[in-house]
């Protein structure tokens, strides 16, 4: 994971904490940067505007398929 962080100029500690669900606060911009680093363009959406929940909108089915494939690879059983 360190080479990925270095290549994409991401802070290793933040990425590990994001992966483990241990960030001290929501970091939607970090999530958006990680998605972009994985080649998945995503836009943030907050609806309603007063909501604290951030949604990510993918541009098309191909981006969704890419996301699901990479998610399965990263979270699937290790062989």
PDB file of N, CA and C in Angstrom:
ATOM      1  N   UNK A   1       0.821  -1.185   0.000  1.00  0.00           N
ATOM      2  CA  UNK A   1       0.000   0.000   0.000  1.00  0.00           C
ATOM      3  C   UNK A   1       0.874   1.262   0.000  1.00  0.00           C
ATOM      4  N   UNK A   2       2.058   1.176   0.592  1.00  0.00           N
ATOM      5  CA  UNK A   2       2.932   2.355   0.626  1.00  0.00           C
ATOM      6  C   UNK A   2       3.296   2.842  -0.781  1.00  0.00           C
ATOM      7  N   UNK A   3       3.663   1.944  -1.710  1.00  0.00           N
ATOM      8  CA  UNK A   3       3.965   2.432  -3.066  1.00  0.00           C
ATOM      9  C   UNK A   3       2.768   3.131  -3.720  1.00  0.00           C
ATOM     10  N   UNK A   4       1.552   2.606  -3.500  1.00  0.00           N
ATOM     11  CA  UNK A   4       0.344   3.231  -4.034  1.00  0.00           C
ATOM     12  C   UNK A   4       0.212   4.646  -3.478  1.00  0.00           C
ATOM     13  N   UNK A   5       0.397   4.789  -2.177  1.00  0.00           N
ATOM     14  CA  UNK A   5       0.274   6.106  -1.527  1.00  0.00           C
ATOM     15  C   UNK A   5       1.329   7.071  -2.058  1.00  0.00           C
ATOM     16  N   UNK A   6       2.554   6.590  -2.205  1.00  0.00           N
ATOM     17  CA  UNK A   6       3.621   7.447  -2.713  1.00  0.00           C
ATOM     18  C   UNK A   6       3.347   7.873  -4.154  1.00  0.00           C
ATOM     19  N   UNK A   7       2.926   6.927  -4.969  1.00  0.00           N
ATOM     20  CA  UNK A   7       2.654   7.223  -6.374  1.00  0.00           C
ATOM     21  C   UNK A   7       1.563   8.264  -6.531  1.00  0.00           C
ATOM     22  N   UNK A   8       0.530   8.179  -5.697  1.00  0.00           N
ATOM     23  CA  UNK A   8      -0.623   9.074  -5.824  1.00  0.00           C
ATOM     24  C   UNK A   8      -0.614  10.220  -4.813  1.00  0.00           C
ATOM     25  N   UNK A   9       0.508  10.374  -4.126  1.00  0.00           N
ATOM     26  CA  UNK A   9       0.696  11.453  -3.154  1.00  0.00           C
ATOM     27  C   UNK A   9      -0.417  11.473  -2.111  1.00  0.00           C
ATOM     28  N   UNK A  10      -0.673  10.298  -1.544  1.00  0.00           N
ATOM     29  CA  UNK A  10      -1.656  10.147  -0.475  1.00  0.00           C
ATOM     30  C   UNK A  10      -0.911   9.828   0.820  1.00  0.00           C
ATOM     31  N   UNK A  11      -1.413  10.293   1.931  1.00  0.00           N
ATOM     32  CA  UNK A  11      -0.787  10.035   3.222  1.00  0.00           C
ATOM     33  C   UNK A  11      -1.098   8.609   3.653  1.00  0.00           C
ATOM     34  N   UNK A  12      -0.043   7.825   3.836  1.00  0.00           N
ATOM     35  CA  UNK A  12      -0.186   6.409   4.171  1.00  0.00           C
ATOM     36  C   UNK A  12      -1.059   6.202   5.404  1.00  0.00           C
ATOM     37  N   UNK A  13      -0.808   6.962   6.454  1.00  0.00           N
ATOM     38  CA  UNK A  13      -1.565   6.812   7.701  1.00  0.00           C
ATOM     39  C   UNK A  13      -3.056   7.056   7.470  1.00  0.00           C
ATOM     40  N   UNK A  14      -3.393   8.084   6.707  1.00  0.00           N
ATOM     41  CA  UNK A  14      -4.802   8.366   6.426  1.00  0.00           C
ATOM     42  C   UNK A  14      -5.450   7.235   5.636  1.00  0.00           C
ATOM     43  N   UNK A  15      -4.725   6.671   4.686  1.00  0.00           N
ATOM     44  CA  UNK A  15      -5.274   5.590   3.865  1.00  0.00           C
ATOM     45  C   UNK A  15      -5.491   4.342   4.718  1.00  0.00           C
ATOM     46  N   UNK A  16      -4.552   4.027   5.588  1.00  0.00           N
ATOM     47  CA  UNK A  16      -4.713   2.870   6.474  1.00  0.00           C
ATOM     48  C   UNK A  16      -5.897   3.089   7.404  1.00  0.00           C
ATOM     49  N   UNK A  17      -6.010   4.281   7.974  1.00  0.00           N
ATOM     50  CA  UNK A  17      -7.142   4.580   8.859  1.00  0.00           C
ATOM     51  C   UNK A  17      -8.467   4.548   8.098  1.00  0.00           C
ATOM     52  N   UNK A  18      -8.471   5.011   6.846  1.00  0.00           N
ATOM     53  CA  UNK A  18      -9.677   4.928   6.017  1.00  0.00           C
ATOM     54  C   UNK A  18     -10.045   3.467   5.792  1.00  0.00           C
ATOM     55  N   UNK A  19      -9.063   2.655   5.442  1.00  0.00           N
ATOM     56  CA  UNK A  19      -9.294   1.227   5.201  1.00  0.00           C
ATOM     57  C   UNK A  19      -9.855   0.534   6.443  1.00  0.00           C
ATOM     58  N   UNK A  20      -9.341   0.896   7.607  1.00  0.00           N
ATOM     59  CA  UNK A  20      -9.752   0.255   8.858  1.00  0.00           C
ATOM     60  C   UNK A  20     -10.953   0.928   9.525  1.00  0.00           C
ATOM     61  N   UNK A  21     -11.474   1.988   8.905  1.00  0.00           N
ATOM     62  CA  UNK A  21     -12.629   2.691   9.481  1.00  0.00           C
ATOM     63  C   UNK A  21     -12.286   3.445  10.748  1.00  0.00           C
ATOM     64  N   UNK A  22     -11.054   3.946  10.851  1.00  0.00           N
ATOM     65  CA  UNK A  22     -10.619   4.603  12.082  1.00  0.00           C
ATOM     66  C   UNK A  22     -10.277   6.077  11.900  1.00  0.00           C
ATOM     67  N   UNK A  23     -10.793   6.691  10.850  1.00  0.00           N
ATOM     68  CA  UNK A  23     -10.579   8.128  10.702  1.00  0.00           C
ATOM     69  C   UNK A  23     -11.349   8.856  11.800  1.00  0.00           C
ATOM     70  N   UNK A  24     -10.805   9.958  12.258  1.00  0.00           N
ATOM     71  CA  UNK A  24     -11.440  10.696  13.353  1.00  0.00           C
ATOM     72  C   UNK A  24     -12.673  11.462  12.899  1.00  0.00           C
ATOM     73  N   UNK A  25     -12.783  11.722  11.609  1.00  0.00           N
ATOM     74  CA  UNK A  25     -13.957  12.408  11.062  1.00  0.00           C
ATOM     75  C   UNK A  25     -14.162  11.921   9.629  1.00  0.00           C
ATOM     76  N   UNK A  26     -15.315  12.212   9.069  1.00  0.00           N
ATOM     77  CA  UNK A  26     -15.580  11.852   7.683  1.00  0.00           C
ATOM     78  C   UNK A  26     -14.623  12.612   6.769  1.00  0.00           C
ATOM     79  N   UNK A  27     -14.109  11.932   5.781  1.00  0.00           N
ATOM     80  CA  UNK A  27     -13.167  12.530   4.844  1.00  0.00           C
ATOM     81  C   UNK A  27     -13.611  12.250   3.409  1.00  0.00           C
ATOM     82  N   UNK A  28     -14.715  12.862   2.970  1.00  0.00           N
ATOM     83  CA  UNK A  28     -15.193  12.579   1.617  1.00  0.00           C
ATOM     84  C   UNK A  28     -14.206  12.967   0.519  1.00  0.00           C
ATOM     85  N   UNK A  29     -13.427  14.020   0.733  1.00  0.00           N
ATOM     86  CA  UNK A  29     -12.456  14.415  -0.291  1.00  0.00           C
ATOM     87  C   UNK A  29     -11.350  13.378  -0.417  1.00  0.00           C
ATOM     88  N   UNK A  30     -10.964  12.767   0.698  1.00  0.00           N
ATOM     89  CA  UNK A  30      -9.963  11.702   0.653  1.00  0.00           C
ATOM     90  C   UNK A  30     -10.509  10.508  -0.122  1.00  0.00           C
ATOM     91  N   UNK A  31     -11.755  10.139   0.149  1.00  0.00           N
ATOM     92  CA  UNK A  31     -12.382   9.027  -0.570  1.00  0.00           C
ATOM     93  C   UNK A  31     -12.423   9.341  -2.063  1.00  0.00           C
ATOM     94  N   UNK A  32     -12.770  10.570  -2.413  1.00  0.00           N
ATOM     95  CA  UNK A  32     -12.832  10.962  -3.813  1.00  0.00           C
ATOM     96  C   UNK A  32     -11.441  10.881  -4.453  1.00  0.00           C
ATOM     97  N   UNK A  33     -10.406  11.281  -3.737  1.00  0.00           N
ATOM     98  CA  UNK A  33      -9.039  11.190  -4.261  1.00  0.00           C
ATOM     99  C   UNK A  33      -8.627   9.738  -4.470  1.00  0.00           C
ATOM    100  N   UNK A  34      -8.982   8.859  -3.537  1.00  0.00           N
ATOM    101  CA  UNK A  34      -8.644   7.436  -3.682  1.00  0.00           C
ATOM    102  C   UNK A  34      -9.366   6.860  -4.892  1.00  0.00           C
ATOM    103  N   UNK A  35     -10.651   7.158  -5.028  1.00  0.00           N
ATOM    104  CA  UNK A  35     -11.392   6.678  -6.192  1.00  0.00           C
ATOM    105  C   UNK A  35     -10.748   7.162  -7.484  1.00  0.00           C
ATOM    106  N   UNK A  36     -10.375   8.429  -7.525  1.00  0.00           N
ATOM    107  CA  UNK A  36      -9.703   8.979  -8.709  1.00  0.00           C
ATOM    108  C   UNK A  36      -8.379   8.289  -8.979  1.00  0.00           C
ATOM    109  N   UNK A  37      -7.642   7.959  -7.929  1.00  0.00           N
ATOM    110  CA  UNK A  37      -6.365   7.258  -8.075  1.00  0.00           C
ATOM    111  C   UNK A  37      -6.562   5.854  -8.634  1.00  0.00           C
ATOM    112  N   UNK A  38      -7.710   5.284  -8.380  1.00  0.00           N
ATOM    113  CA  UNK A  38      -8.037   3.958  -8.907  1.00  0.00           C
ATOM    114  C   UNK A  38      -8.663   4.039 -10.298  1.00  0.00           C
ATOM    115  N   UNK A  39      -8.740   5.248 -10.845  1.00  0.00           N
ATOM    116  CA  UNK A  39      -9.295   5.427 -12.182  1.00  0.00           C
ATOM    117  C   UNK A  39     -10.812   5.445 -12.200  1.00  0.00           C
ATOM    118  N   UNK A  40     -11.409   5.745 -11.068  1.00  0.00           N
ATOM    119  CA  UNK A  40     -12.869   5.770 -10.969  1.00  0.00           C
ATOM    120  C   UNK A  40     -13.306   7.208 -10.708  1.00  0.00           C
ATOM    121  N   UNK A  41     -13.768   7.895 -11.743  1.00  0.00           N
ATOM    122  CA  UNK A  41     -14.218   9.274 -11.534  1.00  0.00           C
ATOM    123  C   UNK A  41     -15.514   9.293 -10.735  1.00  0.00           C
ATOM    124  N   UNK A  42     -15.546  10.108  -9.720  1.00  0.00           N
ATOM    125  CA  UNK A  42     -16.747  10.191  -8.874  1.00  0.00           C
ATOM    126  C   UNK A  42     -16.944  11.632  -8.436  1.00  0.00           C
ATOM    127  N   UNK A  43     -18.189  12.018  -8.364  1.00  0.00           N
ATOM    128  CA  UNK A  43     -18.530  13.336  -7.859  1.00  0.00           C
ATOM    129  C   UNK A  43     -19.230  13.181  -6.522  1.00  0.00           C
ATOM    130  N   UNK A  44     -18.965  14.136  -5.641  1.00  0.00           N
ATOM    131  CA  UNK A  44     -19.622  14.131  -4.344  1.00  0.00           C
ATOM    132  C   UNK A  44     -21.024  14.738  -4.467  1.00  0.00           C
ATOM    133  N   UNK A  45     -21.940  14.180  -3.708  1.00  0.00           N
ATOM    134  CA  UNK A  45     -23.302  14.699  -3.671  1.00  0.00           C
ATOM    135  C   UNK A  45     -23.762  14.695  -2.228  1.00  0.00           C
ATOM    136  N   UNK A  46     -24.245  15.812  -1.784  1.00  0.00           N
ATOM    137  CA  UNK A  46     -24.812  15.907  -0.441  1.00  0.00           C
ATOM    138  C   UNK A  46     -26.255  16.353  -0.588  1.00  0.00           C
ATOM    139  N   UNK A  47     -27.169  15.445  -0.266  1.00  0.00           N
ATOM    140  CA  UNK A  47     -28.585  15.742  -0.424  1.00  0.00           C
ATOM    141  C   UNK A  47     -29.356  15.168   0.741  1.00  0.00           C
ATOM    142  N   UNK A  48     -30.160  15.945   1.380  1.00  0.00           N
ATOM    143  CA  UNK A  48     -30.295  17.392   1.198  1.00  0.00           C
ATOM    144  C   UNK A  48     -29.016  18.105   1.642  1.00  0.00           C
ATOM    145  N   UNK A  49     -28.922  19.354   1.313  1.00  0.00           N
ATOM    146  CA  UNK A  49     -27.700  20.108   1.592  1.00  0.00           C
ATOM    147  C   UNK A  49     -27.332  20.128   3.068  1.00  0.00           C
ATOM    148  N   UNK A  50     -28.309  19.989   3.931  1.00  0.00           N
ATOM    149  CA  UNK A  50     -28.049  20.004   5.374  1.00  0.00           C
ATOM    150  C   UNK A  50     -27.624  18.634   5.900  1.00  0.00           C
ATOM    151  N   UNK A  51     -27.636  17.630   5.037  1.00  0.00           N
ATOM    152  CA  UNK A  51     -27.277  16.274   5.445  1.00  0.00           C
ATOM    153  C   UNK A  51     -25.787  16.178   5.753  1.00  0.00           C
ATOM    154  N   UNK A  52     -25.432  15.307   6.672  1.00  0.00           N
ATOM    155  CA  UNK A  52     -24.021  15.061   6.981  1.00  0.00           C
ATOM    156  C   UNK A  52     -23.470  13.894   6.165  1.00  0.00           C
ATOM    157  N   UNK A  53     -24.354  13.235   5.415  1.00  0.00           N
ATOM    158  CA  UNK A  53     -23.955  12.086   4.614  1.00  0.00           C
ATOM    159  C   UNK A  53     -23.520  12.541   3.228  1.00  0.00           C
ATOM    160  N   UNK A  54     -22.370  12.043   2.775  1.00  0.00           N
ATOM    161  CA  UNK A  54     -21.886  12.331   1.439  1.00  0.00           C
ATOM    162  C   UNK A  54     -22.069  11.091   0.577  1.00  0.00           C
ATOM    163  N   UNK A  55     -22.650  11.283  -0.584  1.00  0.00           N
ATOM    164  CA  UNK A  55     -22.833  10.216  -1.554  1.00  0.00           C
ATOM    165  C   UNK A  55     -21.845  10.443  -2.682  1.00  0.00           C
ATOM    166  N   UNK A  56     -21.472   9.389  -3.352  1.00  0.00           N
ATOM    167  CA  UNK A  56     -20.599   9.507  -4.509  1.00  0.00           C
ATOM    168  C   UNK A  56     -21.343   9.018  -5.738  1.00  0.00           C
ATOM    169  N   UNK A  57     -21.338   9.832  -6.775  1.00  0.00           N
ATOM    170  CA  UNK A  57     -22.042   9.518  -8.013  1.00  0.00           C
ATOM    171  C   UNK A  57     -21.009   9.138  -9.062  1.00  0.00           C
ATOM    172  N   UNK A  58     -21.190   7.955  -9.632  1.00  0.00           N
ATOM    173  CA  UNK A  58     -20.311   7.490 -10.700  1.00  0.00           C
ATOM    174  C   UNK A  58     -20.951   7.846 -12.037  1.00  0.00           C
ATOM    175  N   UNK A  59     -20.138   8.149 -13.047  1.00  0.00           N
ATOM    176  CA  UNK A  59     -20.699   8.663 -14.297  1.00  0.00           C
ATOM    177  C   UNK A  59     -21.449   7.650 -15.158  1.00  0.00           C
ATOM    178  N   UNK A  60     -21.107   6.359 -15.022  1.00  0.00           N
ATOM    179  CA  UNK A  60     -21.759   5.377 -15.884  1.00  0.00           C
ATOM    180  C   UNK A  60     -21.584   3.967 -15.335  1.00  0.00           C
ATOM    181  N   UNK A  61     -22.203   3.010 -16.027  1.00  0.00           N
ATOM    182  CA  UNK A  61     -22.150   1.614 -15.586  1.00  0.00           C
ATOM    183  C   UNK A  61     -20.729   1.058 -15.636  1.00  0.00           C
ATOM    184  N   UNK A  62     -19.928   1.530 -16.565  1.00  0.00           N
ATOM    185  CA  UNK A  62     -18.542   1.063 -16.670  1.00  0.00           C
ATOM    186  C   UNK A  62     -17.745   1.457 -15.416  1.00  0.00           C
ATOM    187  N   UNK A  63     -17.938   2.657 -14.924  1.00  0.00           N
ATOM    188  CA  UNK A  63     -17.254   3.097 -13.704  1.00  0.00           C
ATOM    189  C   UNK A  63     -17.729   2.279 -12.509  1.00  0.00           C
ATOM    190  N   UNK A  64     -19.025   1.984 -12.459  1.00  0.00           N
ATOM    191  CA  UNK A  64     -19.557   1.154 -11.377  1.00  0.00           C
ATOM    192  C   UNK A  64     -18.958  -0.246 -11.437  1.00  0.00           C
ATOM    193  N   UNK A  65     -18.873  -0.825 -12.628  1.00  0.00           N
ATOM    194  CA  UNK A  65     -18.292  -2.156 -12.790  1.00  0.00           C
ATOM    195  C   UNK A  65     -16.824  -2.154 -12.359  1.00  0.00           C
ATOM    196  N   UNK A  66     -16.088  -1.122 -12.737  1.00  0.00           N
ATOM    197  CA  UNK A  66     -14.684  -1.010 -12.341  1.00  0.00           C
ATOM    198  C   UNK A  66     -14.553  -0.926 -10.826  1.00  0.00           C
ATOM    199  N   UNK A  67     -15.424  -0.128 -10.205  1.00  0.00           N
ATOM    200  CA  UNK A  67     -15.417   0.001  -8.748  1.00  0.00           C
ATOM    201  C   UNK A  67     -15.696  -1.347  -8.082  1.00  0.00           C
ATOM    202  N   UNK A  68     -16.730  -2.035  -8.550  1.00  0.00           N
ATOM    203  CA  UNK A  68     -17.093  -3.317  -7.953  1.00  0.00           C
ATOM    204  C   UNK A  68     -15.990  -4.351  -8.137  1.00  0.00           C
ATOM    205  N   UNK A  69     -15.341  -4.370  -9.291  1.00  0.00           N
ATOM    206  CA  UNK A  69     -14.243  -5.303  -9.546  1.00  0.00           C
ATOM    207  C   UNK A  69     -13.082  -5.038  -8.604  1.00  0.00           C
ATOM    208  N   UNK A  70     -12.703  -3.781  -8.464  1.00  0.00           N
ATOM    209  CA  UNK A  70     -11.584  -3.442  -7.589  1.00  0.00           C
ATOM    210  C   UNK A  70     -11.939  -3.685  -6.125  1.00  0.00           C
ATOM    211  N   UNK A  71     -13.168  -3.403  -5.744  1.00  0.00           N
ATOM    212  CA  UNK A  71     -13.599  -3.645  -4.367  1.00  0.00           C
ATOM    213  C   UNK A  71     -13.534  -5.137  -4.054  1.00  0.00           C
ATOM    214  N   UNK A  72     -14.010  -5.954  -4.971  1.00  0.00           N
ATOM    215  CA  UNK A  72     -13.972  -7.408  -4.774  1.00  0.00           C
ATOM    216  C   UNK A  72     -12.519  -7.882  -4.657  1.00  0.00           C
ATOM    217  N   UNK A  73     -11.646  -7.346  -5.503  1.00  0.00           N
ATOM    218  CA  UNK A  73     -10.227  -7.722  -5.460  1.00  0.00           C
ATOM    219  C   UNK A  73      -9.605  -7.358  -4.112  1.00  0.00           C
ATOM    220  N   UNK A  74      -9.926  -6.167  -3.615  1.00  0.00           N
ATOM    221  CA  UNK A  74      -9.311  -5.683  -2.374  1.00  0.00           C
ATOM    222  C   UNK A  74      -9.899  -6.328  -1.125  1.00  0.00           C
ATOM    223  N   UNK A  75     -11.159  -6.745  -1.190  1.00  0.00           N
ATOM    224  CA  UNK A  75     -11.805  -7.267   0.014  1.00  0.00           C
ATOM    225  C   UNK A  75     -12.077  -8.770  -0.046  1.00  0.00           C
ATOM    226  N   UNK A  76     -11.839  -9.366  -1.190  1.00  0.00           N
ATOM    227  CA  UNK A  76     -12.099 -10.798  -1.347  1.00  0.00           C
ATOM    228  C   UNK A  76     -11.116 -11.645  -0.563  1.00  0.00           C
ATOM    229  N   UNK A  77     -11.403 -12.937  -0.467  1.00  0.00           N
ATOM    230  CA  UNK A  77     -10.515 -13.846   0.260  1.00  0.00           C
ATOM    231  C   UNK A  77      -9.151 -13.925  -0.410  1.00  0.00           C
ATOM    232  N   UNK A  78      -8.126 -13.975   0.391  1.00  0.00           N
ATOM    233  CA  UNK A  78      -6.753 -14.084  -0.097  1.00  0.00           C
ATOM    234  C   UNK A  78      -6.446 -15.556  -0.367  1.00  0.00           C
ATOM    235  N   UNK A  79      -5.917 -15.823  -1.536  1.00  0.00           N
ATOM    236  CA  UNK A  79      -5.613 -17.213  -1.893  1.00  0.00           C
ATOM    237  C   UNK A  79      -4.132 -17.465  -1.752  1.00  0.00           C
TER     238      UNK A  79
END
